[in-house]
Structures are given as C-alpha cells and as structure tokens.
Amino acid sequence: MEFDQTRRVSSKKQVVLTFERDEMKQGNMLVGKLITGKNMNIPTIVGMIKKGWQVDKELEIIELDRNQLLFLFRFSEANDYKRILKGRSWSILGHLLSIQSWDEGMVLKDVNFDLSPFWVQFHGLPLENFNCSNAKILGDTVGETMMIGWE
C-alpha cells in the first residue's frame, strides 16, 4: 500500500514523495539522541542499546547522524516499542539517551531532545503523607509530573 505526501519545497515548487507504509511500520518507531560531549563508538552504543532493551522481536537501529549521535529505532513489536518509550530515561555509558516517538510526517529538525522524563523517588515521608496528591506536589517541584508510580 502506498500513499503520497506533498511537501512545499519553495513558494514555486511542490514535490510529491511516495512512501511504502509497510516499510515505515508506523507506530513502532522512536528517534533518539545520545546526549554527550564525548566521541562515542557507534557499534558500542548500538550493542549496549540492544543488550539493555532486551526486545522480544527484531529491533532495527538506523544511524541518522554520526556527529550528533542521532538514531532511528524501528521495532517489529508494538509491545517492545511501548515498553521502551514508557521506561524512559535510558542511559548509555552514563550518558542520557533522549528518545521521542516518531510519527508519520515528522521532520527530524523539529524533534526536541532538550527534555526527557525521569523516574524520581522521594524517601523519608511520613506514612500519613504518602498519597497521590502529595506525590504530584513533590513531583512538580522538580518538573512536570507525568505519572505516579502506584497509579
């Protein structure tokens, strides 16, 4: 099955691009950037991701930009995709791997890798203060609370 996507290249030209929907495996792709100031070995990064993520089925990792350490992750199983996205944040050799969903029609330059969700734990709370309201209050002190662990 094919579909056309028209993009305006300039004010005078239009280009029609054709994609194979099956090849794109929509809904099962992530884009990621390793946030580091160091030179990193690409095969080492790829090997650590595959080992750490332990996907049930095939995971294809495509290097998009070696200098910026940008990757596209294509999952053959939706369950693997969902687990990896939900399990953020991910670390490779102590460096943040910022990942985002990749959806049809996205442009790589528009993906924001500046923000990444983190799991945060708070210890030493009195038991009577251990509830969802207070967890949200505490979570909001360090960023935007996206999910509370026991919900």
N, C-alpha and C. Protein backbone atom coordinates (compact mmCIF):
# COMPACT_ATOMS: atom_id res chain seq x y z
N MET A 1 0.84 -1.16 0.00
CA MET A 1 0.00 0.00 0.00
C MET A 1 0.89 1.23 0.00
N GLU A 2 0.63 2.18 -0.89
CA GLU A 2 1.40 3.40 -0.98
C GLU A 2 0.51 4.59 -0.68
N PHE A 3 1.14 5.69 -0.24
CA PHE A 3 0.41 6.93 -0.10
C PHE A 3 1.34 8.06 -0.48
N ASP A 4 0.76 9.18 -0.89
CA ASP A 4 1.56 10.32 -1.31
C ASP A 4 1.55 11.37 -0.21
N GLN A 5 2.67 12.04 -0.09
CA GLN A 5 2.77 13.14 0.86
C GLN A 5 3.39 14.30 0.10
N THR A 6 2.69 15.42 0.02
CA THR A 6 3.19 16.57 -0.72
C THR A 6 3.82 17.56 0.25
N ARG A 7 5.02 18.00 -0.07
CA ARG A 7 5.73 18.99 0.74
C ARG A 7 6.05 20.19 -0.15
N ARG A 8 5.82 21.38 0.33
CA ARG A 8 6.17 22.58 -0.41
C ARG A 8 7.67 22.83 -0.20
N VAL A 9 8.44 22.81 -1.28
CA VAL A 9 9.88 22.98 -1.21
C VAL A 9 10.22 24.46 -1.28
N SER A 10 9.56 25.21 -2.09
CA SER A 10 9.72 26.65 -2.17
C SER A 10 8.35 27.23 -2.49
N SER A 11 8.28 28.52 -2.64
CA SER A 11 6.98 29.12 -2.93
C SER A 11 6.49 28.77 -4.33
N LYS A 12 7.39 28.25 -5.20
CA LYS A 12 7.01 27.96 -6.57
C LYS A 12 6.96 26.48 -6.91
N LYS A 13 7.61 25.62 -6.09
CA LYS A 13 7.71 24.21 -6.43
C LYS A 13 7.02 23.34 -5.39
N GLN A 14 6.48 22.23 -5.86
CA GLN A 14 5.99 21.20 -4.97
C GLN A 14 6.60 19.89 -5.39
N VAL A 15 6.93 19.06 -4.42
CA VAL A 15 7.49 17.75 -4.68
C VAL A 15 6.57 16.73 -4.04
N VAL A 16 6.25 15.67 -4.75
CA VAL A 16 5.41 14.61 -4.22
C VAL A 16 6.32 13.43 -3.88
N LEU A 17 6.32 13.03 -2.62
CA LEU A 17 7.12 11.90 -2.15
C LEU A 17 6.20 10.70 -1.95
N THR A 18 6.69 9.52 -2.31
CA THR A 18 5.92 8.30 -2.14
C THR A 18 6.62 7.41 -1.14
N PHE A 19 5.89 6.91 -0.15
CA PHE A 19 6.44 6.05 0.88
C PHE A 19 5.70 4.72 0.88
N GLU A 20 6.40 3.69 1.24
CA GLU A 20 5.77 2.39 1.45
C GLU A 20 5.36 2.32 2.91
N ARG A 21 4.08 2.28 3.19
CA ARG A 21 3.59 2.27 4.56
C ARG A 21 4.12 1.06 5.33
N ASP A 22 4.18 -0.11 4.71
CA ASP A 22 4.67 -1.30 5.41
C ASP A 22 6.11 -1.14 5.84
N GLU A 23 6.94 -0.50 5.02
CA GLU A 23 8.34 -0.31 5.38
C GLU A 23 8.49 0.62 6.58
N MET A 24 7.58 1.55 6.74
CA MET A 24 7.69 2.53 7.81
C MET A 24 7.28 1.95 9.16
N LYS A 25 6.46 0.90 9.16
CA LYS A 25 5.99 0.27 10.40
C LYS A 25 5.48 1.34 11.38
N GLN A 26 4.54 2.11 10.92
CA GLN A 26 4.04 3.24 11.71
C GLN A 26 3.65 2.82 13.11
N GLY A 27 3.94 3.70 14.05
CA GLY A 27 3.59 3.48 15.44
C GLY A 27 4.62 2.68 16.21
N ASN A 28 5.63 2.18 15.53
CA ASN A 28 6.65 1.37 16.20
C ASN A 28 8.05 1.96 16.03
N MET A 29 8.14 3.28 15.89
CA MET A 29 9.45 3.89 15.69
C MET A 29 9.71 4.98 16.73
N LEU A 30 10.95 5.03 17.15
CA LEU A 30 11.43 6.08 18.05
C LEU A 30 12.63 6.73 17.40
N VAL A 31 12.85 7.97 17.74
CA VAL A 31 14.07 8.66 17.32
C VAL A 31 14.80 9.04 18.61
N GLY A 32 16.12 8.93 18.59
CA GLY A 32 16.88 9.19 19.81
C GLY A 32 18.18 9.90 19.55
N LYS A 33 18.65 10.58 20.59
CA LYS A 33 19.92 11.30 20.54
C LYS A 33 20.66 11.00 21.83
N LEU A 34 21.92 10.58 21.69
CA LEU A 34 22.77 10.38 22.86
C LEU A 34 23.36 11.73 23.24
N ILE A 35 23.05 12.19 24.44
CA ILE A 35 23.49 13.50 24.90
C ILE A 35 24.84 13.35 25.58
N THR A 36 25.88 13.79 24.90
CA THR A 36 27.24 13.68 25.43
C THR A 36 28.14 14.65 24.70
N GLY A 37 29.19 15.05 25.33
CA GLY A 37 30.20 15.88 24.70
C GLY A 37 31.39 15.07 24.24
N LYS A 38 31.31 13.76 24.42
CA LYS A 38 32.43 12.88 24.08
C LYS A 38 32.22 12.22 22.73
N ASN A 39 33.33 11.81 22.10
CA ASN A 39 33.26 10.97 20.91
C ASN A 39 32.92 9.57 21.38
N MET A 40 31.92 8.97 20.76
CA MET A 40 31.48 7.65 21.18
C MET A 40 31.57 6.69 20.00
N ASN A 41 31.85 5.44 20.31
CA ASN A 41 31.95 4.38 19.32
C ASN A 41 30.54 3.89 18.98
N ILE A 42 30.13 4.06 17.73
CA ILE A 42 28.76 3.72 17.31
C ILE A 42 28.44 2.24 17.55
N PRO A 43 29.30 1.29 17.14
CA PRO A 43 28.96 -0.12 17.40
C PRO A 43 28.79 -0.42 18.89
N THR A 44 29.56 0.24 19.75
CA THR A 44 29.41 0.06 21.19
C THR A 44 28.04 0.56 21.65
N ILE A 45 27.66 1.74 21.17
CA ILE A 45 26.36 2.32 21.53
C ILE A 45 25.23 1.37 21.10
N VAL A 46 25.28 0.93 19.85
CA VAL A 46 24.23 0.05 19.32
C VAL A 46 24.18 -1.25 20.11
N GLY A 47 25.33 -1.84 20.40
CA GLY A 47 25.37 -3.09 21.17
C GLY A 47 24.79 -2.93 22.56
N MET A 48 25.10 -1.81 23.22
CA MET A 48 24.58 -1.58 24.57
C MET A 48 23.07 -1.36 24.56
N ILE A 49 22.59 -0.66 23.54
CA ILE A 49 21.14 -0.44 23.44
C ILE A 49 20.43 -1.78 23.26
N LYS A 50 20.91 -2.59 22.33
CA LYS A 50 20.26 -3.89 22.07
C LYS A 50 20.31 -4.78 23.31
N LYS A 51 21.42 -4.78 24.01
CA LYS A 51 21.54 -5.59 25.21
C LYS A 51 20.65 -5.06 26.34
N GLY A 52 20.65 -3.76 26.53
CA GLY A 52 19.88 -3.16 27.62
C GLY A 52 18.38 -3.20 27.42
N TRP A 53 17.92 -3.07 26.18
CA TRP A 53 16.49 -3.03 25.92
C TRP A 53 15.88 -4.42 25.87
N GLN A 54 16.63 -5.42 25.55
CA GLN A 54 16.15 -6.81 25.52
C GLN A 54 14.77 -6.94 24.87
N VAL A 55 14.67 -6.55 23.61
CA VAL A 55 13.39 -6.63 22.92
C VAL A 55 13.06 -8.07 22.59
N ASP A 56 11.75 -8.37 22.56
CA ASP A 56 11.29 -9.73 22.28
C ASP A 56 11.51 -10.12 20.82
N LYS A 57 11.33 -9.18 19.94
CA LYS A 57 11.46 -9.44 18.50
C LYS A 57 12.55 -8.53 17.94
N GLU A 58 12.51 -8.32 16.63
CA GLU A 58 13.56 -7.57 15.94
C GLU A 58 13.55 -6.08 16.30
N LEU A 59 14.75 -5.54 16.48
CA LEU A 59 14.96 -4.10 16.67
C LEU A 59 15.98 -3.67 15.63
N GLU A 60 15.58 -2.75 14.77
CA GLU A 60 16.50 -2.20 13.78
C GLU A 60 16.93 -0.82 14.27
N ILE A 61 18.23 -0.59 14.30
CA ILE A 61 18.77 0.70 14.71
C ILE A 61 19.46 1.32 13.50
N ILE A 62 18.97 2.49 13.11
CA ILE A 62 19.50 3.18 11.94
C ILE A 62 20.21 4.45 12.41
N GLU A 63 21.46 4.57 12.04
CA GLU A 63 22.25 5.77 12.38
C GLU A 63 21.82 6.89 11.44
N LEU A 64 21.28 7.97 12.01
CA LEU A 64 20.82 9.10 11.20
C LEU A 64 21.89 10.17 11.04
N ASP A 65 22.65 10.41 12.10
CA ASP A 65 23.69 11.43 12.06
C ASP A 65 24.78 11.04 13.06
N ARG A 66 25.92 10.64 12.53
CA ARG A 66 27.04 10.18 13.36
C ARG A 66 27.55 11.30 14.28
N ASN A 67 27.64 12.52 13.77
CA ASN A 67 28.19 13.63 14.55
C ASN A 67 27.29 14.03 15.71
N GLN A 68 25.98 13.96 15.49
CA GLN A 68 25.04 14.33 16.55
C GLN A 68 24.55 13.12 17.35
N LEU A 69 25.02 11.93 16.98
CA LEU A 69 24.61 10.68 17.63
C LEU A 69 23.08 10.54 17.63
N LEU A 70 22.50 10.70 16.44
CA LEU A 70 21.06 10.56 16.24
C LEU A 70 20.75 9.20 15.63
N PHE A 71 19.71 8.55 16.15
CA PHE A 71 19.35 7.21 15.71
C PHE A 71 17.84 7.10 15.52
N LEU A 72 17.45 6.20 14.62
CA LEU A 72 16.06 5.82 14.47
C LEU A 72 15.96 4.37 14.93
N PHE A 73 14.98 4.09 15.78
CA PHE A 73 14.77 2.74 16.31
C PHE A 73 13.46 2.22 15.75
N ARG A 74 13.52 1.11 15.03
CA ARG A 74 12.34 0.53 14.41
C ARG A 74 12.08 -0.82 15.07
N PHE A 75 10.92 -0.95 15.70
CA PHE A 75 10.55 -2.16 16.43
C PHE A 75 9.58 -2.98 15.61
N SER A 76 9.76 -4.29 15.60
CA SER A 76 8.80 -5.14 14.90
C SER A 76 7.59 -5.44 15.77
N GLU A 77 7.70 -5.23 17.08
CA GLU A 77 6.60 -5.49 18.01
C GLU A 77 6.19 -4.22 18.74
N ALA A 78 4.90 -3.91 18.72
CA ALA A 78 4.38 -2.73 19.40
C ALA A 78 4.63 -2.79 20.90
N ASN A 79 4.59 -3.99 21.49
CA ASN A 79 4.82 -4.12 22.94
C ASN A 79 6.23 -3.69 23.32
N ASP A 80 7.23 -4.03 22.50
CA ASP A 80 8.60 -3.60 22.76
C ASP A 80 8.70 -2.08 22.67
N TYR A 81 8.11 -1.53 21.62
CA TYR A 81 8.11 -0.07 21.43
C TYR A 81 7.52 0.64 22.65
N LYS A 82 6.36 0.19 23.09
CA LYS A 82 5.68 0.83 24.23
C LYS A 82 6.49 0.70 25.51
N ARG A 83 7.08 -0.46 25.75
CA ARG A 83 7.88 -0.68 26.95
C ARG A 83 9.11 0.22 26.99
N ILE A 84 9.78 0.36 25.87
CA ILE A 84 10.98 1.19 25.81
C ILE A 84 10.62 2.66 25.99
N LEU A 85 9.55 3.11 25.36
CA LEU A 85 9.13 4.51 25.50
C LEU A 85 8.69 4.79 26.93
N LYS A 86 7.93 3.89 27.52
CA LYS A 86 7.45 4.08 28.90
C LYS A 86 8.59 4.00 29.91
N GLY A 87 9.63 3.23 29.60
CA GLY A 87 10.74 3.02 30.53
C GLY A 87 11.77 4.13 30.57
N ARG A 88 11.53 5.22 29.80
CA ARG A 88 12.50 6.31 29.80
C ARG A 88 12.74 6.80 31.22
N SER A 89 13.85 7.24 31.56
CA SER A 89 15.00 7.62 30.77
C SER A 89 15.99 6.47 30.66
N TRP A 90 16.79 6.50 29.58
CA TRP A 90 17.77 5.46 29.30
C TRP A 90 19.16 6.08 29.31
N SER A 91 20.11 5.30 29.79
CA SER A 91 21.49 5.78 29.91
C SER A 91 22.42 4.81 29.19
N ILE A 92 23.36 5.35 28.44
CA ILE A 92 24.39 4.56 27.76
C ILE A 92 25.74 5.07 28.24
N LEU A 93 26.47 4.22 28.94
CA LEU A 93 27.78 4.57 29.49
C LEU A 93 27.73 5.88 30.28
N GLY A 94 26.64 6.07 31.02
CA GLY A 94 26.49 7.26 31.86
C GLY A 94 26.00 8.50 31.14
N HIS A 95 25.60 8.36 29.87
CA HIS A 95 25.11 9.49 29.09
C HIS A 95 23.64 9.27 28.75
N LEU A 96 22.85 10.34 28.80
CA LEU A 96 21.42 10.26 28.55
C LEU A 96 21.13 9.94 27.09
N LEU A 97 20.30 8.93 26.86
CA LEU A 97 19.76 8.66 25.53
C LEU A 97 18.34 9.22 25.53
N SER A 98 18.18 10.38 24.93
CA SER A 98 16.87 11.03 24.87
C SER A 98 16.11 10.45 23.69
N ILE A 99 14.95 9.84 23.95
CA ILE A 99 14.15 9.24 22.88
C ILE A 99 12.77 9.87 22.84
N GLN A 100 12.23 9.95 21.64
CA GLN A 100 10.91 10.50 21.39
C GLN A 100 10.18 9.60 20.41
N SER A 101 8.87 9.63 20.43
CA SER A 101 8.08 8.91 19.43
C SER A 101 8.35 9.51 18.06
N TRP A 102 8.36 8.66 17.06
CA TRP A 102 8.50 9.13 15.68
C TRP A 102 7.20 8.81 14.95
N ASP A 103 6.54 9.85 14.49
CA ASP A 103 5.25 9.68 13.84
C ASP A 103 5.31 10.10 12.38
N GLU A 104 4.38 9.61 11.62
CA GLU A 104 4.27 9.92 10.19
C GLU A 104 4.30 11.42 9.97
N GLY A 105 5.10 11.85 9.01
CA GLY A 105 5.15 13.26 8.64
C GLY A 105 6.07 14.13 9.47
N MET A 106 6.72 13.56 10.48
CA MET A 106 7.62 14.36 11.31
C MET A 106 8.88 14.73 10.53
N VAL A 107 9.50 15.83 10.92
CA VAL A 107 10.76 16.28 10.35
C VAL A 107 11.79 16.27 11.47
N LEU A 108 12.93 15.66 11.22
CA LEU A 108 13.94 15.45 12.26
C LEU A 108 14.35 16.75 12.95
N LYS A 109 14.48 17.83 12.20
CA LYS A 109 14.93 19.09 12.81
C LYS A 109 13.91 19.64 13.81
N ASP A 110 12.67 19.16 13.76
CA ASP A 110 11.63 19.64 14.67
C ASP A 110 11.53 18.83 15.96
N VAL A 111 12.30 17.76 16.07
CA VAL A 111 12.25 16.92 17.28
C VAL A 111 13.07 17.60 18.37
N ASN A 112 12.48 17.73 19.55
CA ASN A 112 13.13 18.39 20.69
C ASN A 112 13.73 17.33 21.63
N PHE A 113 15.05 17.32 21.72
CA PHE A 113 15.72 16.40 22.61
C PHE A 113 16.15 17.07 23.91
N ASP A 114 15.70 18.32 24.12
CA ASP A 114 16.11 19.08 25.30
C ASP A 114 15.43 18.61 26.58
N LEU A 115 14.29 17.95 26.46
CA LEU A 115 13.56 17.47 27.64
C LEU A 115 13.46 15.96 27.60
N SER A 116 13.54 15.34 28.78
CA SER A 116 13.41 13.89 28.86
C SER A 116 12.80 13.54 30.21
N PRO A 117 11.85 12.60 30.23
CA PRO A 117 11.26 12.20 31.51
C PRO A 117 12.25 11.38 32.34
N PHE A 118 12.16 11.52 33.65
CA PHE A 118 12.97 10.77 34.60
C PHE A 118 12.08 10.22 35.69
N TRP A 119 12.46 9.05 36.18
CA TRP A 119 11.80 8.50 37.37
C TRP A 119 12.43 9.17 38.58
N VAL A 120 11.61 9.63 39.49
CA VAL A 120 12.10 10.29 40.71
C VAL A 120 11.47 9.59 41.90
N GLN A 121 12.28 9.34 42.93
CA GLN A 121 11.77 8.74 44.16
C GLN A 121 11.99 9.72 45.31
N PHE A 122 11.04 9.75 46.22
CA PHE A 122 11.16 10.57 47.42
C PHE A 122 11.13 9.63 48.62
N HIS A 123 12.08 9.77 49.50
CA HIS A 123 12.19 8.90 50.67
C HIS A 123 12.00 9.71 51.95
N GLY A 124 11.64 9.02 53.01
CA GLY A 124 11.55 9.64 54.33
C GLY A 124 10.27 10.42 54.57
N LEU A 125 9.22 10.15 53.80
CA LEU A 125 7.95 10.84 54.02
C LEU A 125 7.17 10.15 55.13
N PRO A 126 6.51 10.93 55.98
CA PRO A 126 5.63 10.31 56.97
C PRO A 126 4.53 9.52 56.25
N LEU A 127 4.19 8.36 56.76
CA LEU A 127 3.24 7.48 56.10
C LEU A 127 1.90 8.17 55.83
N GLU A 128 1.46 9.05 56.74
CA GLU A 128 0.16 9.72 56.54
C GLU A 128 0.19 10.71 55.38
N ASN A 129 1.38 11.06 54.88
CA ASN A 129 1.51 11.96 53.73
C ASN A 129 1.77 11.21 52.43
N PHE A 130 1.72 9.89 52.48
CA PHE A 130 2.03 9.04 51.33
C PHE A 130 0.77 8.84 50.51
N ASN A 131 0.49 9.78 49.57
CA ASN A 131 -0.69 9.67 48.71
C ASN A 131 -0.41 10.34 47.36
N CYS A 132 -1.34 10.17 46.41
CA CYS A 132 -1.15 10.68 45.06
C CYS A 132 -1.05 12.20 45.01
N SER A 133 -1.85 12.90 45.81
CA SER A 133 -1.81 14.37 45.82
C SER A 133 -0.43 14.87 46.20
N ASN A 134 0.11 14.32 47.28
CA ASN A 134 1.42 14.77 47.73
C ASN A 134 2.53 14.33 46.77
N ALA A 135 2.37 13.17 46.15
CA ALA A 135 3.36 12.73 45.17
C ALA A 135 3.40 13.71 44.00
N LYS A 136 2.23 14.19 43.58
CA LYS A 136 2.19 15.17 42.48
C LYS A 136 2.80 16.49 42.91
N ILE A 137 2.50 16.94 44.11
CA ILE A 137 3.10 18.19 44.62
C ILE A 137 4.62 18.09 44.62
N LEU A 138 5.14 16.98 45.15
CA LEU A 138 6.59 16.79 45.20
C LEU A 138 7.18 16.67 43.79
N GLY A 139 6.51 15.91 42.93
CA GLY A 139 6.99 15.75 41.56
C GLY A 139 7.05 17.06 40.81
N ASP A 140 6.05 17.90 41.02
CA ASP A 140 6.01 19.20 40.34
C ASP A 140 7.11 20.15 40.81
N THR A 141 7.73 19.85 41.95
CA THR A 141 8.84 20.70 42.41
C THR A 141 10.10 20.47 41.58
N VAL A 142 10.20 19.32 40.90
CA VAL A 142 11.39 19.04 40.08
C VAL A 142 11.09 19.07 38.59
N GLY A 143 9.84 19.23 38.20
CA GLY A 143 9.47 19.26 36.78
C GLY A 143 7.99 18.99 36.64
N GLU A 144 7.58 18.58 35.45
CA GLU A 144 6.18 18.26 35.21
C GLU A 144 5.95 16.79 35.56
N THR A 145 5.01 16.52 36.46
CA THR A 145 4.69 15.15 36.83
C THR A 145 3.86 14.53 35.72
N MET A 146 4.38 13.43 35.15
CA MET A 146 3.69 12.75 34.06
C MET A 146 2.92 11.54 34.54
N MET A 147 3.45 10.86 35.57
CA MET A 147 2.83 9.64 36.04
C MET A 147 3.29 9.41 37.49
N ILE A 148 2.43 8.82 38.27
CA ILE A 148 2.78 8.47 39.65
C ILE A 148 2.85 6.97 39.73
N GLY A 149 3.90 6.43 40.32
CA GLY A 149 4.25 5.01 40.29
C GLY A 149 3.18 4.04 40.69
N TRP A 150 2.34 4.36 41.64
CA TRP A 150 1.36 3.34 42.06
C TRP A 150 -0.01 3.58 41.43
N GLU A 151 -0.09 4.49 40.43
CA GLU A 151 -1.37 4.71 39.74
C GLU A 151 -1.65 3.58 38.79
